Amino acid sequence: MNQLYFISSPVTSLQGDITVPGDKSISHRAIMLGAIAKGTTTITGFLEGEDCLATLNAFKSMGVAIEGPVDQRVVIHGVGKHGLQKPKQIIDCGNSGTTMRLMAGLLAAQSFDSELTGDSSLLKRPMERVSRPLNQMGAEVVTTDGRAPLHIRGGQTLHGIVYEMPHASAQVKSCVLLAGMYAKGETRVIEQSITRDHTERMLIAFSYPLNKIDDAIVINAANECQGTDIIVPGDISSAAFFLVAATLIPGSDLILRNIGINPTRTGILQILQQMGANISIINKKICGEELVADLHVKHAALEGIDIPPSMVPLAIDEFPILFIAASCAKGITTIHGAGELRSKESDRIAAMVEGLQQLGIETEAFEDGACIHGGVLKGGVVDSQHDHRIAMAFAIAGGLAKAPITILNCANVATSFPTFVATANQIHLAIEETYDVN
């Protein structure tokens, strides 16, 4: 079997003016709500990564006519809230936890039975966190020892519940809200800490009312989504790799255009700025329901910090590259309250700590985080554990290291950033893609 791996070599400075692919979270949600809307939805800037294509193909399999993607543009002919049809086969979510968890909320309310599966990585991820609240609402969602495949029995009558989130998870929150669009009475979701709010903003964009009452998000079944035009901004999670690279590589000066700066996603900016990064937010504007801006980053020396636990949910997907930033900062960086990282596409705490240790960085893992001593990255070989964000983080590390870094098992980069290597090399990183035949 051919395995894709990266060889990333040291570079002297980064320069450029670039864009990154559309936001993955927004692209998923635009497909889902467009599919169950009345009328036509046009999405511009859609992320043509494997995760979002898994969502798109799932709705095609349920009878939704979808044109594209062509040049990041998708046209969806919505079938209405009750127009989905029984899929002819098991729905394959690939590597996408967002696809599986959010679709579980929609499918729990349908008239037909369905089953959700995925790749070997997704089959290891915890799914009782969505089956539990859905079953409380009257659904019949059966996991496989707490994990996928998910077996969902159709024809159930859902009723609204008050659900207090036990953990910070935008995917679980979104799952319950989507099920609440079909449930009798009100569904209230209460968050203990802030998580990304793309679902709430997307519902408003599709003219579906929801309310914020005290600390609860409230939705009911009395409405329909209406087709609309959605413009997807650049994904700050993808931009984060280049923000860190340009910060750490001397002489760098980089502009990233049209990046989503939703306030529930800007933890990466706040953490880097607390560490001493020189990042300017310029040309702010509102695009639909989302905030968008250009990010101008120049080289700056970083200092290690204790990352506030309140920042963790606002940067949960960016921690792999934050580990790299910490490894090159002066002093010690500590992370706590990030146990969710152990349940991502890989155990990201273990993968990053192991990789940094192999590259000569003193690092200690905690159950909910890590302690990273800033130092000098050596060359070497690390395993991404088939995790796209781990692979890209260590590819950036190669540009900072004293010798090339080889990163194993990089094929899943295509799930979120299929043009990563081309974009990186455009700004003068030196990343080579190659295949190993096993």
Protein backbone atom coordinates (compact mmCIF):
# COMPACT_ATOMS: atom_id res chain seq x y z
CA MET A 1 0.00 0.00 0.00
CA ASN A 2 1.33 3.46 -0.89
CA GLN A 3 1.70 5.75 2.12
CA LEU A 4 2.01 9.50 1.61
CA TYR A 5 4.64 11.20 3.70
CA PHE A 6 6.14 14.69 3.83
CA ILE A 7 9.76 15.75 3.99
CA SER A 8 9.96 19.30 5.34
CA SER A 9 13.28 21.14 5.25
CA PRO A 10 14.53 24.26 7.06
CA VAL A 11 13.92 27.64 5.41
CA THR A 12 15.14 31.18 6.07
CA SER A 13 12.02 33.38 5.77
CA LEU A 14 8.41 33.38 4.57
CA GLN A 15 6.86 36.04 2.34
CA GLY A 16 3.54 36.26 0.57
CA ASP A 17 -0.09 37.23 0.30
CA ILE A 18 -2.28 34.11 0.31
CA THR A 19 -5.70 32.63 0.92
CA VAL A 20 -6.54 29.33 2.57
CA PRO A 21 -9.45 26.99 1.80
CA GLY A 22 -12.95 27.64 3.08
CA ASP A 23 -13.89 26.98 6.68
CA LYS A 24 -14.58 23.30 7.25
CA SER A 25 -17.16 23.78 10.01
CA ILE A 26 -19.14 26.30 7.96
CA SER A 27 -18.96 24.20 4.79
CA HIS A 28 -20.42 21.16 6.58
CA ARG A 29 -23.28 23.14 8.06
CA ALA A 30 -24.11 24.95 4.83
CA ILE A 31 -24.57 21.59 3.07
CA MET A 32 -26.74 20.19 5.86
CA LEU A 33 -29.08 23.14 6.20
CA GLY A 34 -29.17 23.75 2.46
CA ALA A 35 -30.27 20.15 1.92
CA ILE A 36 -33.27 20.44 4.27
CA ALA A 37 -34.17 23.99 3.25
CA LYS A 38 -37.01 25.05 1.01
CA GLY A 39 -35.60 26.41 -2.23
CA THR A 40 -32.10 26.70 -3.64
CA THR A 41 -28.90 27.42 -1.74
CA THR A 42 -25.66 28.53 -3.40
CA ILE A 43 -22.42 28.09 -1.47
CA THR A 44 -19.31 30.01 -2.55
CA GLY A 45 -15.92 29.18 -1.07
CA PHE A 46 -16.91 25.60 -0.18
CA LEU A 47 -14.05 23.49 1.18
CA GLU A 48 -13.42 20.71 -1.35
CA GLY A 49 -11.78 18.50 1.27
CA GLU A 50 -12.67 14.88 1.89
CA ASP A 51 -14.55 15.58 5.13
CA CYS A 52 -16.95 18.07 3.57
CA LEU A 53 -17.35 15.92 0.48
CA ALA A 54 -18.44 13.08 2.79
CA THR A 55 -21.26 15.31 4.03
CA LEU A 56 -22.18 16.35 0.49
CA ASN A 57 -22.28 12.74 -0.72
CA ALA A 58 -24.38 11.68 2.26
CA PHE A 59 -27.14 14.08 1.26
CA LYS A 60 -26.88 13.08 -2.40
CA SER A 61 -27.52 9.52 -1.24
CA MET A 62 -30.72 10.75 0.44
CA GLY A 63 -32.16 12.22 -2.73
CA VAL A 64 -30.90 15.81 -2.58
CA ALA A 65 -29.90 17.26 -5.97
CA ILE A 66 -26.51 18.94 -5.57
CA GLU A 67 -24.47 20.59 -8.34
CA GLY A 68 -20.71 20.82 -7.89
CA PRO A 69 -18.41 21.49 -6.32
CA VAL A 70 -16.89 23.39 -9.22
CA ASP A 71 -14.32 26.05 -8.32
CA GLN A 72 -15.48 25.88 -4.68
CA ARG A 73 -19.10 26.57 -5.68
CA VAL A 74 -21.99 24.28 -4.79
CA VAL A 75 -25.69 24.61 -5.64
CA ILE A 76 -28.15 22.67 -3.48
CA HIS A 77 -31.78 22.13 -4.40
CA GLY A 78 -33.28 21.75 -0.95
CA VAL A 79 -35.96 19.13 -0.30
CA GLY A 80 -37.43 20.72 2.83
CA LYS A 81 -37.29 19.55 6.42
CA HIS A 82 -39.20 16.33 5.74
CA GLY A 83 -37.99 15.58 2.20
CA LEU A 84 -34.98 13.36 2.79
CA GLN A 85 -35.24 9.81 1.43
CA LYS A 86 -33.90 6.57 2.84
CA PRO A 87 -30.32 6.10 1.61
CA LYS A 88 -29.69 3.02 -0.51
CA GLN A 89 -26.60 2.08 1.50
CA ILE A 90 -24.81 2.75 4.77
CA ILE A 91 -23.67 6.37 4.97
CA ASP A 92 -19.87 6.54 5.01
CA CYS A 93 -18.64 9.59 6.96
CA GLY A 94 -15.00 8.87 6.13
CA ASN A 95 -12.75 10.58 8.67
CA SER A 96 -15.30 13.24 9.59
CA GLY A 97 -16.57 13.40 13.15
CA THR A 98 -18.58 16.51 12.27
CA THR A 99 -20.44 14.61 9.55
CA MET A 100 -21.27 11.71 11.86
CA ARG A 101 -22.27 13.64 14.96
CA LEU A 102 -24.35 16.34 13.27
CA MET A 103 -26.01 13.93 10.86
CA ALA A 104 -27.01 11.75 13.81
CA GLY A 105 -29.14 14.65 15.05
CA LEU A 106 -30.86 15.06 11.68
CA LEU A 107 -31.32 11.37 10.99
CA ALA A 108 -32.74 10.62 14.45
CA ALA A 109 -35.88 12.49 13.43
CA GLN A 110 -36.41 10.94 9.98
CA SER A 111 -39.04 8.36 9.03
CA PHE A 112 -36.47 5.83 7.77
CA ASP A 113 -33.75 3.70 9.36
CA SER A 114 -30.15 4.64 8.69
CA GLU A 115 -26.62 3.66 9.61
CA LEU A 116 -23.49 5.82 9.90
CA THR A 117 -19.98 4.43 9.63
CA GLY A 118 -16.51 5.77 8.88
CA ASP A 119 -12.83 4.97 8.54
CA SER A 120 -10.74 3.19 11.18
CA SER A 121 -9.93 6.47 12.95
CA LEU A 122 -13.56 7.62 13.15
CA LEU A 123 -14.67 4.20 14.41
CA LYS A 124 -12.50 4.76 17.51
CA ARG A 125 -14.05 8.09 18.48
CA PRO A 126 -16.66 8.39 21.27
CA MET A 127 -20.24 8.54 19.98
CA GLU A 128 -22.27 8.05 23.17
CA ARG A 129 -21.89 11.79 23.63
CA VAL A 130 -24.48 12.19 20.83
CA SER A 131 -26.50 9.00 21.24
CA ARG A 132 -27.20 9.76 24.91
CA PRO A 133 -29.00 13.12 24.45
CA LEU A 134 -30.73 11.93 21.28
CA ASN A 135 -32.14 8.92 23.09
CA GLN A 136 -33.28 11.21 25.90
CA MET A 137 -35.28 13.05 23.22
CA GLY A 138 -37.03 9.82 22.20
CA ALA A 139 -34.73 8.75 19.39
CA GLU A 140 -33.42 5.24 18.98
CA VAL A 141 -29.69 5.54 18.31
CA VAL A 142 -27.58 2.47 19.05
CA THR A 143 -23.79 2.69 19.21
CA THR A 144 -21.30 -0.13 18.90
CA ASP A 145 -19.76 -0.26 22.39
CA GLY A 146 -20.05 3.52 22.60
CA ARG A 147 -18.57 4.08 19.15
CA ALA A 148 -19.59 3.94 15.50
CA PRO A 149 -21.17 2.43 13.50
CA LEU A 150 -24.34 4.19 14.64
CA HIS A 151 -27.65 2.44 13.96
CA ILE A 152 -30.55 4.92 13.88
CA ARG A 153 -34.15 3.71 13.86
CA GLY A 154 -36.53 5.98 11.99
CA GLY A 155 -40.12 6.87 12.75
CA GLN A 156 -39.55 7.98 16.35
CA THR A 157 -41.32 10.98 17.86
CA LEU A 158 -38.81 13.36 19.39
CA HIS A 159 -39.60 15.68 22.27
CA GLY A 160 -37.67 18.70 23.45
CA ILE A 161 -35.33 18.43 26.42
CA VAL A 162 -33.13 20.68 28.52
CA TYR A 163 -29.61 19.42 27.89
CA GLU A 164 -26.74 20.65 30.04
CA MET A 165 -23.54 19.99 28.13
CA PRO A 166 -21.23 17.78 30.22
CA HIS A 167 -18.23 18.74 28.08
CA ALA A 168 -17.46 21.62 25.73
CA SER A 169 -18.33 20.29 22.26
CA ALA A 170 -19.75 22.26 19.36
CA GLN A 171 -20.50 18.98 17.57
CA VAL A 172 -22.69 17.65 20.40
CA LYS A 173 -24.41 21.02 20.82
CA SER A 174 -25.12 21.15 17.09
CA CYS A 175 -26.42 17.58 17.04
CA VAL A 176 -28.98 18.36 19.75
CA LEU A 177 -30.04 21.63 18.10
CA LEU A 178 -30.56 19.91 14.73
CA ALA A 179 -32.69 17.23 16.40
CA GLY A 180 -34.56 20.04 18.17
CA MET A 181 -35.71 21.31 14.77
CA TYR A 182 -37.98 18.22 14.68
CA ALA A 183 -38.88 17.78 18.36
CA LYS A 184 -42.19 18.56 20.05
CA GLY A 185 -41.87 21.51 22.39
CA GLU A 186 -38.68 23.44 23.10
CA THR A 187 -35.16 22.10 23.10
CA ARG A 188 -32.73 23.97 25.34
CA VAL A 189 -28.97 23.48 25.26
CA ILE A 190 -27.00 24.90 28.18
CA GLU A 191 -23.25 25.29 27.76
CA GLN A 192 -20.81 25.40 30.67
CA SER A 193 -18.22 27.11 28.47
CA ILE A 194 -18.29 28.78 25.07
CA THR A 195 -17.86 26.63 21.96
CA ARG A 196 -17.92 27.57 18.30
CA ASP A 197 -21.32 28.91 17.30
CA HIS A 198 -21.38 28.30 13.54
CA THR A 199 -24.58 26.24 13.77
CA GLU A 200 -26.45 29.04 15.51
CA ARG A 201 -25.21 31.61 12.99
CA MET A 202 -26.00 29.30 10.08
CA LEU A 203 -29.56 28.72 11.30
CA ILE A 204 -30.07 32.50 11.37
CA ALA A 205 -28.64 32.76 7.83
CA PHE A 206 -31.22 30.16 6.72
CA SER A 207 -34.01 32.19 8.43
CA TYR A 208 -34.59 29.56 11.13
CA PRO A 209 -35.32 31.31 14.44
CA LEU A 210 -33.62 30.39 17.66
CA ASN A 211 -33.33 32.27 20.94
CA LYS A 212 -30.74 32.85 23.62
CA ILE A 213 -32.38 32.86 27.04
CA ASP A 214 -29.90 33.38 29.88
CA ASP A 215 -27.29 30.65 29.30
CA ALA A 216 -29.52 28.49 27.10
CA ILE A 217 -29.88 28.18 23.32
CA VAL A 218 -33.54 27.49 22.55
CA ILE A 219 -35.01 25.99 19.36
CA ASN A 220 -38.32 24.38 18.33
CA ALA A 221 -39.90 22.64 15.35
CA ALA A 222 -42.23 25.41 14.25
CA ASN A 223 -40.13 26.64 11.33
CA GLU A 224 -38.39 25.71 8.06
CA CYS A 225 -35.00 26.68 6.67
CA GLN A 226 -35.17 28.88 3.58
CA GLY A 227 -32.65 28.54 0.77
CA THR A 228 -30.05 31.30 0.69
CA ASP A 229 -26.58 32.30 -0.55
CA ILE A 230 -23.65 31.41 1.70
CA ILE A 231 -20.10 32.74 1.34
CA VAL A 232 -17.62 30.59 3.28
CA PRO A 233 -14.60 32.51 4.69
CA GLY A 234 -11.10 31.06 4.90
CA ASP A 235 -10.63 28.57 7.73
CA ILE A 236 -8.72 30.00 10.70
CA SER A 237 -7.70 26.45 11.62
CA SER A 238 -5.87 26.20 8.28
CA ALA A 239 -4.50 29.73 8.58
CA ALA A 240 -3.06 28.86 12.00
CA PHE A 241 -0.23 26.78 10.51
CA PHE A 242 1.07 29.75 8.55
CA LEU A 243 0.50 32.22 11.40
CA VAL A 244 2.84 30.14 13.55
CA ALA A 245 5.35 29.55 10.75
CA ALA A 246 5.65 33.26 9.91
CA THR A 247 5.87 34.16 13.60
CA LEU A 248 8.75 31.79 14.26
CA ILE A 249 10.84 32.07 11.08
CA PRO A 250 13.02 35.25 11.16
CA GLY A 251 12.40 37.86 8.48
CA SER A 252 8.92 36.62 7.66
CA ASP A 253 6.09 38.94 6.58
CA LEU A 254 2.83 37.31 5.52
CA ILE A 255 -0.77 38.33 4.81
CA LEU A 256 -3.64 35.83 4.90
CA ARG A 257 -6.78 37.10 3.18
CA ASN A 258 -10.47 36.71 4.09
CA ILE A 259 -10.07 34.57 7.18
CA GLY A 260 -13.06 33.85 9.40
CA ILE A 261 -12.55 35.47 12.81
CA ASN A 262 -15.69 34.24 14.52
CA PRO A 263 -15.14 35.17 18.20
CA THR A 264 -15.64 31.53 19.24
CA ARG A 265 -12.67 30.56 17.03
CA THR A 266 -10.05 33.24 17.77
CA GLY A 267 -8.34 31.53 20.70
CA ILE A 268 -5.35 30.86 18.42
CA LEU A 269 -4.88 34.60 17.87
CA GLN A 270 -5.26 35.47 21.54
CA ILE A 271 -2.87 32.74 22.71
CA LEU A 272 -0.20 33.63 20.14
CA GLN A 273 -0.51 37.32 20.97
CA GLN A 274 -0.14 36.55 24.69
CA MET A 275 3.06 34.70 23.77
CA GLY A 276 4.32 37.79 21.94
CA ALA A 277 3.27 37.24 18.32
CA ASN A 278 2.99 40.21 15.97
CA ILE A 279 -0.39 39.58 14.31
CA SER A 280 -2.58 42.43 13.06
CA ILE A 281 -6.27 42.01 12.23
CA ILE A 282 -7.06 44.30 9.31
CA ASN A 283 -9.87 44.96 6.81
CA LYS A 284 -12.61 43.59 9.08
CA LYS A 285 -16.02 42.97 7.54
CA ILE A 286 -19.18 40.95 8.06
CA CYS A 287 -19.88 38.19 5.56
CA GLY A 288 -23.39 36.83 6.08
CA GLU A 289 -23.50 36.04 9.79
CA GLU A 290 -19.71 35.60 10.12
CA LEU A 291 -16.88 38.04 10.86
CA VAL A 292 -14.05 38.07 8.32
CA ALA A 293 -10.68 39.87 8.17
CA ASP A 294 -7.19 39.79 6.73
CA LEU A 295 -4.40 38.68 9.10
CA HIS A 296 -0.97 40.31 8.81
CA VAL A 297 1.78 38.42 10.65
CA LYS A 298 5.47 39.25 11.06
CA HIS A 299 8.28 37.43 12.82
CA ALA A 300 8.38 37.83 16.58
CA ALA A 301 10.10 36.04 19.47
CA LEU A 302 7.67 34.05 21.59
CA GLU A 303 7.62 33.51 25.36
CA GLY A 304 6.16 30.43 27.02
CA ILE A 305 2.91 30.98 28.96
CA ASP A 306 0.36 29.10 31.01
CA ILE A 307 -2.50 28.87 28.51
CA PRO A 308 -5.73 29.80 30.33
CA PRO A 309 -8.19 26.86 30.37
CA SER A 310 -10.90 29.31 29.27
CA MET A 311 -9.03 29.67 25.97
CA VAL A 312 -8.99 25.94 25.23
CA PRO A 313 -12.46 25.57 23.61
CA LEU A 314 -11.72 28.64 21.46
CA ALA A 315 -8.61 26.97 19.99
CA ILE A 316 -9.27 23.26 20.33
CA ASP A 317 -8.36 22.38 16.72
CA GLU A 318 -5.27 24.58 16.72
CA PHE A 319 -3.40 22.91 19.58
CA PRO A 320 -1.16 20.74 17.38
CA ILE A 321 0.40 23.84 15.84
CA LEU A 322 0.38 25.61 19.23
CA PHE A 323 2.56 22.74 20.51
CA ILE A 324 5.04 23.66 17.77
CA ALA A 325 4.89 27.35 18.75
CA ALA A 326 5.56 26.39 22.38
CA SER A 327 8.51 24.20 21.39
CA CYS A 328 10.24 27.25 19.88
CA ALA A 329 9.25 29.76 22.57
CA LYS A 330 11.56 30.91 25.36
CA GLY A 331 10.68 29.20 28.62
CA ILE A 332 7.88 26.81 29.50
CA THR A 333 4.32 26.56 28.13
CA THR A 334 1.68 24.61 30.04
CA ILE A 335 -1.69 23.43 28.79
CA HIS A 336 -4.48 22.14 31.02
CA GLY A 337 -8.19 21.55 30.43
CA ALA A 338 -7.61 20.09 26.97
CA GLY A 339 -8.56 16.46 27.57
CA GLU A 340 -10.81 16.64 24.48
CA LEU A 341 -7.61 16.46 22.40
CA ARG A 342 -7.34 12.78 23.30
CA SER A 343 -10.61 12.06 21.44
CA LYS A 344 -9.85 13.71 18.11
CA GLU A 345 -8.68 12.00 14.90
CA SER A 346 -5.83 10.73 17.05
CA ASP A 347 -4.83 11.17 20.67
CA ARG A 348 -3.36 14.56 19.86
CA ILE A 349 -1.68 15.04 23.22
CA ALA A 350 0.17 11.72 22.92
CA ALA A 351 1.02 12.22 19.24
CA MET A 352 2.41 15.72 19.70
CA VAL A 353 4.35 14.93 22.87
CA GLU A 354 5.89 11.81 21.32
CA GLY A 355 6.81 13.68 18.14
CA LEU A 356 8.35 16.64 19.96
CA GLN A 357 10.40 14.33 22.18
CA GLN A 358 11.75 12.62 19.07
CA LEU A 359 12.78 16.05 17.77
CA GLY A 360 14.71 16.91 20.94
CA ILE A 361 12.12 18.98 22.82
CA GLU A 362 11.59 18.30 26.55
CA THR A 363 7.85 17.65 26.84
CA GLU A 364 5.63 16.04 29.48
CA ALA A 365 2.09 14.81 28.86
CA PHE A 366 -0.78 15.29 31.32
CA GLU A 367 -4.14 13.62 31.07
CA ASP A 368 -5.63 16.98 30.03
CA GLY A 369 -2.65 18.73 28.45
CA ALA A 370 1.11 19.03 28.44
CA CYS A 371 4.16 20.94 29.62
CA ILE A 372 6.51 22.01 26.82
CA HIS A 373 10.03 23.38 27.39
CA GLY A 374 11.09 25.68 24.57
CA GLY A 375 14.24 24.54 22.82
CA VAL A 376 15.73 23.74 19.43
CA LEU A 377 13.96 21.39 17.03
CA LYS A 378 16.23 18.74 15.59
CA GLY A 379 15.58 16.84 12.41
CA GLY A 380 14.13 13.36 12.48
CA VAL A 381 11.14 11.18 11.73
CA VAL A 382 7.70 11.55 13.34
CA ASP A 383 4.42 9.70 12.84
CA SER A 384 1.31 11.84 12.30
CA GLN A 385 -0.91 8.93 13.39
CA HIS A 386 -2.99 9.53 10.22
CA ASP A 387 -4.14 12.86 11.73
CA HIS A 388 -4.28 15.79 9.30
CA ARG A 389 -3.53 18.48 11.88
CA ILE A 390 -0.61 16.54 13.39
CA ALA A 391 0.86 16.06 9.91
CA MET A 392 0.60 19.75 9.03
CA ALA A 393 1.95 20.87 12.41
CA PHE A 394 5.12 18.80 12.02
CA ALA A 395 5.44 19.92 8.39
CA ILE A 396 5.65 23.48 9.71
CA ALA A 397 8.17 22.31 12.33
CA GLY A 398 10.43 21.16 9.51
CA GLY A 399 10.78 24.75 8.32
CA LEU A 400 12.03 25.73 11.81
CA ALA A 401 14.26 22.75 12.58
CA LYS A 402 18.02 22.34 12.28
CA ALA A 403 17.59 19.50 9.76
CA PRO A 404 14.75 18.04 7.67
CA ILE A 405 11.80 16.34 9.36
CA THR A 406 10.05 13.38 7.73
CA ILE A 407 6.37 13.05 8.64
CA LEU A 408 4.73 9.66 8.13
CA ASN A 409 1.08 8.91 7.22
CA CYS A 410 0.01 12.26 5.76
CA ALA A 411 -2.80 11.23 3.38
CA ASN A 412 -5.52 12.59 5.68
CA VAL A 413 -4.31 16.16 5.12
CA ALA A 414 -6.72 15.97 2.17
CA THR A 415 -9.65 15.90 4.62
CA SER A 416 -9.25 19.57 5.52
CA PHE A 417 -6.52 21.22 3.41
CA PRO A 418 -5.92 19.40 0.10
CA THR A 419 -3.74 22.26 -1.21
CA PHE A 420 -1.60 22.51 1.94
CA VAL A 421 1.75 21.64 0.37
CA ALA A 422 1.25 23.89 -2.66
CA THR A 423 0.18 26.81 -0.45
CA ALA A 424 3.08 26.24 1.96
CA ASN A 425 5.65 26.16 -0.82
CA GLN A 426 4.11 29.28 -2.36
CA ILE A 427 5.28 31.27 0.68
CA HIS A 428 8.73 29.62 0.55
CA LEU A 429 8.37 26.66 2.87
CA ALA A 430 10.13 23.56 1.48
CA ILE A 431 7.82 20.55 1.79
CA GLU A 432 8.13 17.55 -0.50
CA GLU A 433 5.41 14.95 -0.93
CA THR A 434 6.53 11.41 -1.58
CA TYR A 435 5.17 7.88 -1.39
CA ASP A 436 6.49 4.86 0.46
CA VAL A 437 5.44 1.47 -0.84
CA ASN A 438 4.77 -0.89 2.09
